[in-house]
């Protein structure tokens, strides 16, 4: 298996620290607003990666953190506090905001069928360990206290900029120290922030305050997975400064840190950045209310390599709907063929189907090339449709498809036990009578009426069959 490592900017062989045991840490949500479909892409991609690593026989410990105290959360709480003129403190409103949107995140991941991580550490639960970590950085000469704030000394970080491929001296150009900050260098970043009136705060050797954003991931990942672990993931927008600063902190504390860095591309809407100000913000709940099926969004993500940006349009979602229908139609055909003749298939292996499975695995082994893996599944669908009379081939194709599509979390629900509604049955009978009389206009009118009812007809050699529209 080869993975593109953002740190080396190349594909390299993936060799876990421990054979068949993989530690993976992914930056999770900052819970201050409704989750949107951009959040869904990152969560989905790493869920697929986890599923495939497990499919390959690995034991994966998947960690995804939750940032539940942060400038954005506090700002949202200030707005809520002001509008509601809440009697409770700002500190309590911060807790309410973070709890509300973490619950929303969990609900939306469930709606999409995206699995929970094995560990989901929250920033506020890790503050004592963050204080200990910062104390170690000061002791090692990598950080300094300044009037209640603590900053990481960027000049003590060897190789700073290696992940984002930037030169430290060039980064300095145009960077200024903000009013009230007592940094030694404009690029120094906060490990601990001195308390401001009304804000949540915790005790520390430097006075009351709260942690900076970057420190939490270094502390959580090393605490759960160890000072060196296999995969660190997140969106490409996190490479700088967040992940760059994580490396600086962790190495400053004497830890080897992550060996492979995996970053997913971002999502746009009609080739524009998604933003509420542009009126193109699509929450996960809004998407599900409109389309009812998470698989259309998942297929959209699968059709673009995870490292590349993906553009969302209504037209593309309709294309994804058609893609799912191709799978469902093939499975329905297989069930009809299997119903006529069920041979003894125990131990039977059809070489052509095994070849498609191998191609799927080879694509996924090559930096999780999901678009190519998906394309091989559609090749298998085409081949199966052409050889649908071969019951052994069709049955193995079905089993293979259901096993492999599970890696992508796609639900190919077949209404095998659904009975034909009386009204639909009557209309199909009338349409068959019209076709027998060559009354094609009436036949087409009935087909259109059934289509409006969400029923799709297909004329086969064995007669007319029906299915629900997806």
Foldseek 3Di string as FASTA:
>chain_A
DWAQFLLVRGIDAADWPDPLEAEEEEEAEAQQDFAFLQNVLQLLVVLLVVLVSVVVPHHYQYEYEYELAAPNLLVSLVVVCVVVVDPDFSAVSSNVRSVVRVVNVVVLCVLLLRDDGNYYYYLVVCFVLLLVLLVLLVVLVQWDDDQLWIWGNPVVQPPQCSSVVDDPVVVQPPQDDDPPDDDPGSPIDTQWDHDDPRHDWDQHPSGTTGGHDQSSSLRVSCVPPNLEGEEYEYAPVCSPPRVSVSCRSSVSSVGPYYDGYYHFYGEEEVPHRDDVVVVRTGGSVNVCVVPVFSQLSLVQSLQDFRRYYGYDYPVSSVVSLVVLVLVLVLVVLLVVLCVVPPDPLVPPDDVVLVVLLVQLSVCCSRNHNRNRSSVSLVVLSVVCVVVVNPNNSSVVNVVSSVVVCVSSVHDNDHPPPDDDDPVLVVLQVVLVVCVVVVVVVSNVVSQVVVVVVQKHWDQDPVGIDIDGRD
